[in-house]
């Protein structure tokens, strides 16, 4: 069975809306629920969930998936802090000529010290290297790095 472009676009439009807008108690659409909704609205006389899945895949639409993301709130003094840091770096050469050092320091905390329970198996033709997913914990480490901004 073939479907018109309008019918396919209606499927895509429904798939891009929350299921709750269609009185469906779902967090995400499934191909079966989308097929059922198209039948309910009279968009098509029949369509299989499998065909709905193929149409969505061709359009690279994935209504069954979600991904977390977060825009952090803007830091009020961010621009001022960036300006201070840039000014420190810009004046580093002048300060070095006066005998002052400018040191940049950063830290990375909470690095897990893990040991695999078994050694990795080397790759073989047609198979990638295999690593044991189980591990032994040896606490955490902190990495602190620093460097002199100007070498005179």
N, C-alpha and C. Protein backbone atom coordinates (compact mmCIF):
# COMPACT_ATOMS: atom_id res chain seq x y z
N UNK A 1 0.85 -1.17 0.00
CA UNK A 1 0.00 0.00 0.00
C UNK A 1 0.90 1.24 0.00
N UNK A 2 0.54 2.21 -0.81
CA UNK A 2 1.32 3.45 -0.85
C UNK A 2 0.53 4.55 -0.17
N UNK A 3 1.27 5.52 0.32
CA UNK A 3 0.66 6.64 1.04
C UNK A 3 1.05 7.94 0.36
N UNK A 4 0.15 8.88 0.40
CA UNK A 4 0.43 10.18 -0.21
C UNK A 4 1.42 10.95 0.65
N UNK A 5 2.04 11.94 0.03
CA UNK A 5 2.98 12.79 0.76
C UNK A 5 2.27 13.46 1.93
N UNK A 6 1.02 13.87 1.72
CA UNK A 6 0.26 14.52 2.79
C UNK A 6 0.06 13.58 3.98
N UNK A 7 -0.25 12.32 3.72
CA UNK A 7 -0.43 11.35 4.80
C UNK A 7 0.88 11.13 5.57
N UNK A 8 1.97 11.05 4.83
CA UNK A 8 3.27 10.84 5.48
C UNK A 8 3.64 12.06 6.33
N UNK A 9 3.37 13.25 5.80
CA UNK A 9 3.67 14.47 6.56
C UNK A 9 2.79 14.58 7.80
N UNK A 10 1.55 14.10 7.71
CA UNK A 10 0.68 14.09 8.89
C UNK A 10 1.25 13.15 9.96
N UNK A 11 1.78 12.00 9.52
CA UNK A 11 2.44 11.08 10.45
C UNK A 11 3.59 11.78 11.15
N UNK A 12 4.44 12.47 10.37
CA UNK A 12 5.59 13.17 10.94
C UNK A 12 5.14 14.25 11.92
N UNK A 13 4.07 14.96 11.58
CA UNK A 13 3.57 16.02 12.46
C UNK A 13 3.12 15.43 13.80
N UNK A 14 2.40 14.32 13.75
CA UNK A 14 1.94 13.68 14.99
C UNK A 14 3.15 13.19 15.80
N UNK A 15 4.12 12.59 15.11
CA UNK A 15 5.30 12.04 15.79
C UNK A 15 6.11 13.13 16.49
N UNK A 16 6.02 14.36 16.00
CA UNK A 16 6.78 15.46 16.60
C UNK A 16 6.04 16.16 17.73
N UNK A 17 4.84 15.72 18.02
CA UNK A 17 4.05 16.29 19.12
C UNK A 17 4.04 15.33 20.30
N UNK A 18 3.87 15.85 21.51
CA UNK A 18 3.78 14.95 22.67
C UNK A 18 2.53 14.07 22.59
N UNK A 19 2.63 12.80 22.94
CA UNK A 19 1.46 11.91 22.92
C UNK A 19 0.31 12.43 23.78
N UNK A 20 0.61 13.17 24.84
CA UNK A 20 -0.44 13.71 25.71
C UNK A 20 -1.37 14.65 24.94
N UNK A 21 -0.87 15.30 23.88
CA UNK A 21 -1.71 16.18 23.07
C UNK A 21 -2.82 15.40 22.37
N UNK A 22 -2.66 14.08 22.29
CA UNK A 22 -3.65 13.22 21.64
C UNK A 22 -4.31 12.29 22.66
N UNK A 23 -4.30 12.72 23.92
CA UNK A 23 -4.90 11.95 25.02
C UNK A 23 -4.33 10.54 25.13
N UNK A 24 -3.03 10.42 24.91
CA UNK A 24 -2.36 9.13 25.07
C UNK A 24 -1.49 9.20 26.32
N UNK A 25 -1.65 8.27 27.25
CA UNK A 25 -0.87 8.29 28.50
C UNK A 25 0.54 7.72 28.30
N UNK A 26 1.28 8.34 27.40
CA UNK A 26 2.63 7.87 27.07
C UNK A 26 3.63 8.99 27.25
N UNK A 27 4.87 8.63 27.49
CA UNK A 27 5.92 9.65 27.53
C UNK A 27 6.50 9.84 26.13
N UNK A 28 6.52 8.77 25.31
CA UNK A 28 7.07 8.82 23.96
C UNK A 28 6.20 7.98 23.04
N UNK A 29 6.18 8.37 21.77
CA UNK A 29 5.44 7.61 20.78
C UNK A 29 6.15 6.30 20.46
N UNK A 30 5.37 5.26 20.20
CA UNK A 30 5.89 4.03 19.62
C UNK A 30 5.29 3.93 18.22
N UNK A 31 5.87 3.09 17.38
CA UNK A 31 5.34 2.91 16.03
C UNK A 31 3.90 2.39 16.10
N UNK A 32 3.62 1.50 17.03
CA UNK A 32 2.27 0.95 17.18
C UNK A 32 1.27 2.04 17.56
N UNK A 33 1.64 2.89 18.50
CA UNK A 33 0.74 3.97 18.93
C UNK A 33 0.53 4.99 17.81
N UNK A 34 1.57 5.28 17.04
CA UNK A 34 1.43 6.21 15.92
C UNK A 34 0.51 5.63 14.85
N UNK A 35 0.68 4.35 14.55
CA UNK A 35 -0.20 3.70 13.57
C UNK A 35 -1.65 3.77 14.05
N UNK A 36 -1.86 3.49 15.33
CA UNK A 36 -3.20 3.54 15.91
C UNK A 36 -3.79 4.95 15.83
N UNK A 37 -2.98 5.96 16.09
CA UNK A 37 -3.46 7.35 16.05
C UNK A 37 -3.82 7.76 14.62
N UNK A 38 -3.05 7.30 13.65
CA UNK A 38 -3.37 7.62 12.25
C UNK A 38 -4.70 6.99 11.84
N UNK A 39 -4.95 5.77 12.31
CA UNK A 39 -6.23 5.11 12.03
C UNK A 39 -7.37 5.86 12.73
N UNK A 40 -7.16 6.21 13.99
CA UNK A 40 -8.17 6.90 14.79
C UNK A 40 -8.58 8.23 14.15
N UNK A 41 -7.61 8.96 13.58
CA UNK A 41 -7.90 10.25 12.97
C UNK A 41 -8.40 10.12 11.53
N UNK A 42 -8.40 8.91 10.99
CA UNK A 42 -8.87 8.70 9.63
C UNK A 42 -7.88 9.17 8.57
N UNK A 43 -6.63 9.28 8.94
CA UNK A 43 -5.60 9.71 7.98
C UNK A 43 -5.35 8.61 6.97
N UNK A 44 -5.38 7.35 7.43
CA UNK A 44 -5.20 6.19 6.56
C UNK A 44 -6.26 5.16 6.92
N UNK A 45 -6.51 4.24 5.97
CA UNK A 45 -7.45 3.15 6.26
C UNK A 45 -6.75 2.02 6.99
N UNK A 46 -5.47 1.81 6.66
CA UNK A 46 -4.68 0.80 7.37
C UNK A 46 -3.20 1.12 7.19
N UNK A 47 -2.43 0.81 8.23
CA UNK A 47 -0.98 0.97 8.18
C UNK A 47 -0.40 0.13 9.31
N UNK A 48 0.67 -0.55 9.02
CA UNK A 48 1.29 -1.41 10.04
C UNK A 48 2.30 -0.60 10.85
N UNK A 49 2.47 -0.98 12.10
CA UNK A 49 3.51 -0.32 12.92
C UNK A 49 4.89 -0.44 12.27
N UNK A 50 5.12 -1.55 11.60
CA UNK A 50 6.42 -1.74 10.94
C UNK A 50 6.63 -0.71 9.84
N UNK A 51 5.57 -0.43 9.06
CA UNK A 51 5.69 0.57 7.99
C UNK A 51 5.86 1.97 8.58
N UNK A 52 5.17 2.25 9.68
CA UNK A 52 5.36 3.53 10.37
C UNK A 52 6.82 3.66 10.77
N UNK A 53 7.39 2.60 11.33
CA UNK A 53 8.79 2.61 11.73
C UNK A 53 9.72 2.87 10.56
N UNK A 54 9.43 2.26 9.41
CA UNK A 54 10.26 2.48 8.22
C UNK A 54 10.18 3.93 7.75
N UNK A 55 8.97 4.49 7.73
CA UNK A 55 8.80 5.89 7.30
C UNK A 55 9.55 6.84 8.24
N UNK A 56 9.46 6.59 9.53
CA UNK A 56 10.17 7.43 10.50
C UNK A 56 11.69 7.29 10.32
N UNK A 57 12.16 6.06 10.09
CA UNK A 57 13.60 5.83 9.91
C UNK A 57 14.12 6.55 8.67
N UNK A 58 13.34 6.52 7.58
CA UNK A 58 13.75 7.20 6.35
C UNK A 58 13.89 8.71 6.57
N UNK A 59 13.06 9.25 7.45
CA UNK A 59 13.11 10.69 7.74
C UNK A 59 14.04 11.00 8.91
N UNK A 60 14.68 9.98 9.45
CA UNK A 60 15.58 10.11 10.61
C UNK A 60 14.86 10.74 11.80
N UNK A 61 13.61 10.35 12.01
CA UNK A 61 12.83 10.79 13.17
C UNK A 61 12.81 9.65 14.18
N UNK A 62 13.05 9.99 15.45
CA UNK A 62 13.12 8.97 16.50
C UNK A 62 12.26 9.39 17.69
N UNK A 63 10.93 9.34 17.54
CA UNK A 63 10.06 9.80 18.63
C UNK A 63 10.13 8.93 19.89
N UNK A 64 10.70 7.75 19.79
CA UNK A 64 10.82 6.85 20.94
C UNK A 64 12.06 7.14 21.77
N UNK A 65 12.92 8.06 21.32
CA UNK A 65 14.15 8.36 22.04
C UNK A 65 14.11 9.75 22.64
N UNK A 66 14.93 9.96 23.67
CA UNK A 66 15.10 11.29 24.24
C UNK A 66 16.54 11.41 24.72
N UNK A 67 16.97 12.63 24.90
CA UNK A 67 18.34 12.88 25.33
C UNK A 67 18.31 14.03 26.33
N UNK A 68 19.04 13.87 27.42
CA UNK A 68 19.10 14.94 28.41
C UNK A 68 20.05 16.04 27.95
N UNK A 69 19.72 17.26 28.30
CA UNK A 69 20.63 18.38 28.08
C UNK A 69 20.23 19.49 29.02
N UNK A 70 21.14 20.38 29.27
CA UNK A 70 20.87 21.45 30.21
C UNK A 70 21.65 22.68 29.80
N UNK A 71 20.95 23.78 29.70
CA UNK A 71 21.62 25.06 29.53
C UNK A 71 21.81 25.63 30.91
N UNK A 72 23.05 25.73 31.37
CA UNK A 72 23.25 26.28 32.71
C UNK A 72 22.84 27.75 32.76
N UNK A 73 22.32 28.18 33.89
CA UNK A 73 21.94 29.59 33.99
C UNK A 73 23.18 30.47 33.86
N UNK A 74 23.04 31.63 33.24
CA UNK A 74 24.21 32.50 33.09
C UNK A 74 24.75 32.95 34.44
N UNK A 75 26.06 32.91 34.58
CA UNK A 75 26.71 33.33 35.80
C UNK A 75 26.81 34.86 35.77
N UNK A 76 26.30 35.55 36.79
CA UNK A 76 26.27 37.02 36.76
C UNK A 76 27.63 37.67 36.55
N UNK A 77 28.67 37.14 37.16
CA UNK A 77 30.00 37.76 37.07
C UNK A 77 30.88 37.11 36.00
N UNK A 78 30.29 36.31 35.11
CA UNK A 78 31.09 35.56 34.14
C UNK A 78 31.98 36.47 33.29
N UNK A 79 31.38 37.48 32.67
CA UNK A 79 32.16 38.37 31.79
C UNK A 79 33.28 39.06 32.55
N UNK A 80 33.00 39.47 33.77
CA UNK A 80 34.02 40.13 34.59
C UNK A 80 35.17 39.17 34.90
N UNK A 81 34.83 37.92 35.23
CA UNK A 81 35.87 36.92 35.53
C UNK A 81 36.73 36.64 34.29
N UNK A 82 36.09 36.50 33.15
CA UNK A 82 36.82 36.25 31.90
C UNK A 82 37.76 37.41 31.61
N UNK A 83 37.26 38.62 31.78
CA UNK A 83 38.08 39.81 31.54
C UNK A 83 39.30 39.83 32.47
N UNK A 84 39.10 39.51 33.75
CA UNK A 84 40.20 39.48 34.71
C UNK A 84 41.27 38.46 34.31
N UNK A 85 40.81 37.28 33.91
CA UNK A 85 41.75 36.22 33.52
C UNK A 85 42.52 36.63 32.27
N UNK A 86 41.81 37.17 31.29
CA UNK A 86 42.48 37.61 30.05
C UNK A 86 43.50 38.70 30.35
N UNK A 87 43.14 39.63 31.21
CA UNK A 87 44.06 40.70 31.56
C UNK A 87 45.30 40.15 32.27
N UNK A 88 45.11 39.14 33.11
CA UNK A 88 46.24 38.51 33.79
C UNK A 88 47.20 37.90 32.77
N UNK A 89 46.66 37.19 31.79
CA UNK A 89 47.51 36.58 30.77
C UNK A 89 48.19 37.65 29.90
N UNK A 90 47.45 38.70 29.56
CA UNK A 90 48.02 39.76 28.73
C UNK A 90 49.15 40.51 29.44
N UNK A 91 49.06 40.63 30.74
CA UNK A 91 50.10 41.36 31.49
C UNK A 91 51.21 40.45 32.00
N UNK A 92 51.16 39.16 31.69
CA UNK A 92 52.14 38.20 32.20
C UNK A 92 53.56 38.54 31.76
N UNK A 93 53.75 38.95 30.51
CA UNK A 93 55.09 39.25 30.00
C UNK A 93 55.67 40.46 30.73
N UNK A 94 54.86 41.49 30.89
CA UNK A 94 55.30 42.70 31.59
C UNK A 94 55.68 42.37 33.04
N UNK A 95 54.89 41.55 33.69
CA UNK A 95 55.18 41.16 35.07
C UNK A 95 56.44 40.32 35.15
N UNK A 96 56.65 39.47 34.14
CA UNK A 96 57.86 38.63 34.13
C UNK A 96 59.11 39.50 34.05
N UNK A 97 59.02 40.59 33.28
CA UNK A 97 60.16 41.50 33.18
C UNK A 97 60.46 42.19 34.51
N UNK A 98 59.45 42.27 35.38
CA UNK A 98 59.62 42.86 36.72
C UNK A 98 59.97 41.79 37.76
N UNK A 99 60.15 40.55 37.30
CA UNK A 99 60.53 39.47 38.20
C UNK A 99 59.37 38.71 38.80
N UNK A 100 58.14 38.97 38.38
CA UNK A 100 56.97 38.25 38.89
C UNK A 100 56.63 37.10 37.96
N UNK A 101 56.20 35.99 38.53
CA UNK A 101 55.78 34.85 37.73
C UNK A 101 54.26 34.77 37.69
N UNK A 102 53.72 34.34 36.56
CA UNK A 102 52.29 34.08 36.44
C UNK A 102 52.14 32.58 36.23
N UNK A 103 51.50 31.93 37.17
CA UNK A 103 51.33 30.48 37.14
C UNK A 103 49.86 30.17 36.89
N UNK A 104 49.59 29.28 35.94
CA UNK A 104 48.23 28.83 35.67
C UNK A 104 48.07 27.45 36.30
N UNK A 105 47.02 27.29 37.09
CA UNK A 105 46.79 26.03 37.81
C UNK A 105 45.36 25.56 37.55
N UNK A 106 45.21 24.25 37.37
CA UNK A 106 43.88 23.67 37.22
C UNK A 106 43.87 22.32 37.92
N UNK A 107 42.70 21.87 38.31
CA UNK A 107 42.58 20.57 38.96
C UNK A 107 41.45 19.78 38.34
N UNK A 108 41.61 18.48 38.38
CA UNK A 108 40.56 17.56 37.93
C UNK A 108 40.33 16.62 39.10
N UNK A 109 39.16 16.73 39.72
CA UNK A 109 38.88 15.94 40.92
C UNK A 109 38.04 14.72 40.58
N UNK A 110 37.99 13.80 41.50
CA UNK A 110 37.10 12.65 41.38
C UNK A 110 37.46 11.67 40.28
N UNK A 111 38.73 11.56 39.94
CA UNK A 111 39.15 10.58 38.93
C UNK A 111 39.14 9.21 39.59
N UNK A 112 38.33 8.31 39.08
CA UNK A 112 38.25 6.98 39.69
C UNK A 112 39.47 6.14 39.33
N UNK A 113 40.07 5.54 40.33
CA UNK A 113 41.20 4.63 40.12
C UNK A 113 40.63 3.22 40.00
N UNK A 114 40.51 2.75 38.78
CA UNK A 114 39.89 1.45 38.52
C UNK A 114 40.90 0.47 37.94
N UNK A 115 40.69 -0.80 38.27
CA UNK A 115 41.51 -1.88 37.73
C UNK A 115 40.56 -2.92 37.17
N UNK A 116 40.79 -3.36 35.96
CA UNK A 116 39.94 -4.40 35.36
C UNK A 116 40.17 -5.72 36.08
N UNK A 117 39.10 -6.51 36.24
CA UNK A 117 39.22 -7.80 36.93
C UNK A 117 39.98 -8.82 36.09
N UNK A 118 39.96 -8.65 34.77
CA UNK A 118 40.66 -9.58 33.89
C UNK A 118 41.34 -8.78 32.78
N UNK A 119 42.45 -9.28 32.24
CA UNK A 119 43.12 -8.54 31.18
C UNK A 119 42.28 -8.51 29.90
N UNK A 120 42.55 -7.50 29.08
CA UNK A 120 41.83 -7.37 27.80
C UNK A 120 42.24 -8.51 26.87
N UNK A 121 41.31 -8.91 26.02
CA UNK A 121 41.61 -9.91 25.00
C UNK A 121 41.98 -9.17 23.72
N UNK A 122 43.11 -9.51 23.11
CA UNK A 122 43.55 -8.76 21.92
C UNK A 122 42.59 -8.94 20.75
N UNK A 123 42.64 -7.98 19.83
CA UNK A 123 41.79 -8.08 18.65
C UNK A 123 42.24 -9.25 17.79
N UNK A 124 41.30 -9.75 17.01
CA UNK A 124 41.56 -10.85 16.08
C UNK A 124 40.89 -10.48 14.77
N UNK A 125 41.22 -11.15 13.69
CA UNK A 125 40.57 -10.81 12.42
C UNK A 125 39.05 -10.85 12.56
N UNK A 126 38.43 -9.72 12.23
CA UNK A 126 36.97 -9.62 12.30
C UNK A 126 36.41 -9.33 13.67
N UNK A 127 37.28 -9.21 14.70
CA UNK A 127 36.80 -8.95 16.06
C UNK A 127 37.64 -7.86 16.71
N UNK A 128 37.01 -6.89 17.34
CA UNK A 128 37.78 -5.84 18.02
C UNK A 128 38.34 -6.35 19.35
N UNK A 129 39.24 -5.57 19.94
CA UNK A 129 39.75 -5.88 21.27
C UNK A 129 38.56 -5.96 22.23
N UNK A 130 38.62 -6.88 23.19
CA UNK A 130 37.54 -7.03 24.16
C UNK A 130 38.08 -6.72 25.54
N UNK A 131 37.34 -5.86 26.27
CA UNK A 131 37.74 -5.48 27.63
C UNK A 131 36.68 -5.94 28.62
N UNK A 132 37.14 -6.43 29.73
CA UNK A 132 36.26 -6.84 30.82
C UNK A 132 35.53 -5.62 31.36
N UNK A 133 34.22 -5.71 31.56
CA UNK A 133 33.49 -4.55 32.08
C UNK A 133 33.51 -4.49 33.60
N UNK A 134 33.80 -5.59 34.27
CA UNK A 134 33.87 -5.56 35.73
C UNK A 134 35.22 -5.01 36.17
N UNK A 135 35.20 -4.28 37.27
CA UNK A 135 36.43 -3.64 37.73
C UNK A 135 36.52 -3.64 39.24
N UNK A 136 37.73 -3.36 39.74
CA UNK A 136 38.00 -3.24 41.17
C UNK A 136 38.25 -1.77 41.44
N UNK A 137 37.60 -1.23 42.46
CA UNK A 137 37.78 0.18 42.80
C UNK A 137 38.98 0.36 43.71
N UNK A 138 39.74 1.41 43.43
CA UNK A 138 40.88 1.76 44.28
C UNK A 138 40.76 3.22 44.71
N UNK A 139 39.55 3.67 44.99
CA UNK A 139 39.34 5.05 45.45
C UNK A 139 39.34 6.04 44.30
N UNK A 140 39.61 7.30 44.66
CA UNK A 140 39.66 8.36 43.65
C UNK A 140 40.98 9.11 43.75
N UNK A 141 41.31 9.78 42.68
CA UNK A 141 42.53 10.56 42.60
C UNK A 141 42.18 11.99 42.19
N UNK A 142 43.09 12.91 42.45
CA UNK A 142 42.95 14.28 41.99
C UNK A 142 44.20 14.63 41.20
N UNK A 143 43.99 15.19 40.01
CA UNK A 143 45.11 15.61 39.18
C UNK A 143 45.20 17.13 39.25
N UNK A 144 46.36 17.64 39.63
CA UNK A 144 46.59 19.08 39.68
C UNK A 144 47.73 19.39 38.72
N UNK A 145 47.47 20.28 37.78
CA UNK A 145 48.48 20.66 36.80
C UNK A 145 48.72 22.16 36.88
N UNK A 146 49.95 22.56 36.65
CA UNK A 146 50.26 23.98 36.62
C UNK A 146 51.39 24.23 35.63
N UNK A 147 51.42 25.45 35.10
CA UNK A 147 52.53 25.82 34.23
C UNK A 147 52.78 27.31 34.33
N UNK A 148 54.03 27.66 34.08
CA UNK A 148 54.43 29.05 34.09
C UNK A 148 53.99 29.65 32.76
N UNK A 149 53.19 30.70 32.80
CA UNK A 149 52.62 31.29 31.59
C UNK A 149 53.71 31.89 30.70
N UNK A 150 54.74 32.48 31.29
CA UNK A 150 55.81 33.12 30.52
C UNK A 150 57.15 32.51 30.91
N UNK A 151 57.90 32.08 29.92
CA UNK A 151 59.27 31.59 30.15
C UNK A 151 60.22 32.67 29.68
N UNK A 152 60.99 33.22 30.59
CA UNK A 152 61.91 34.32 30.26
C UNK A 152 63.32 33.77 30.16
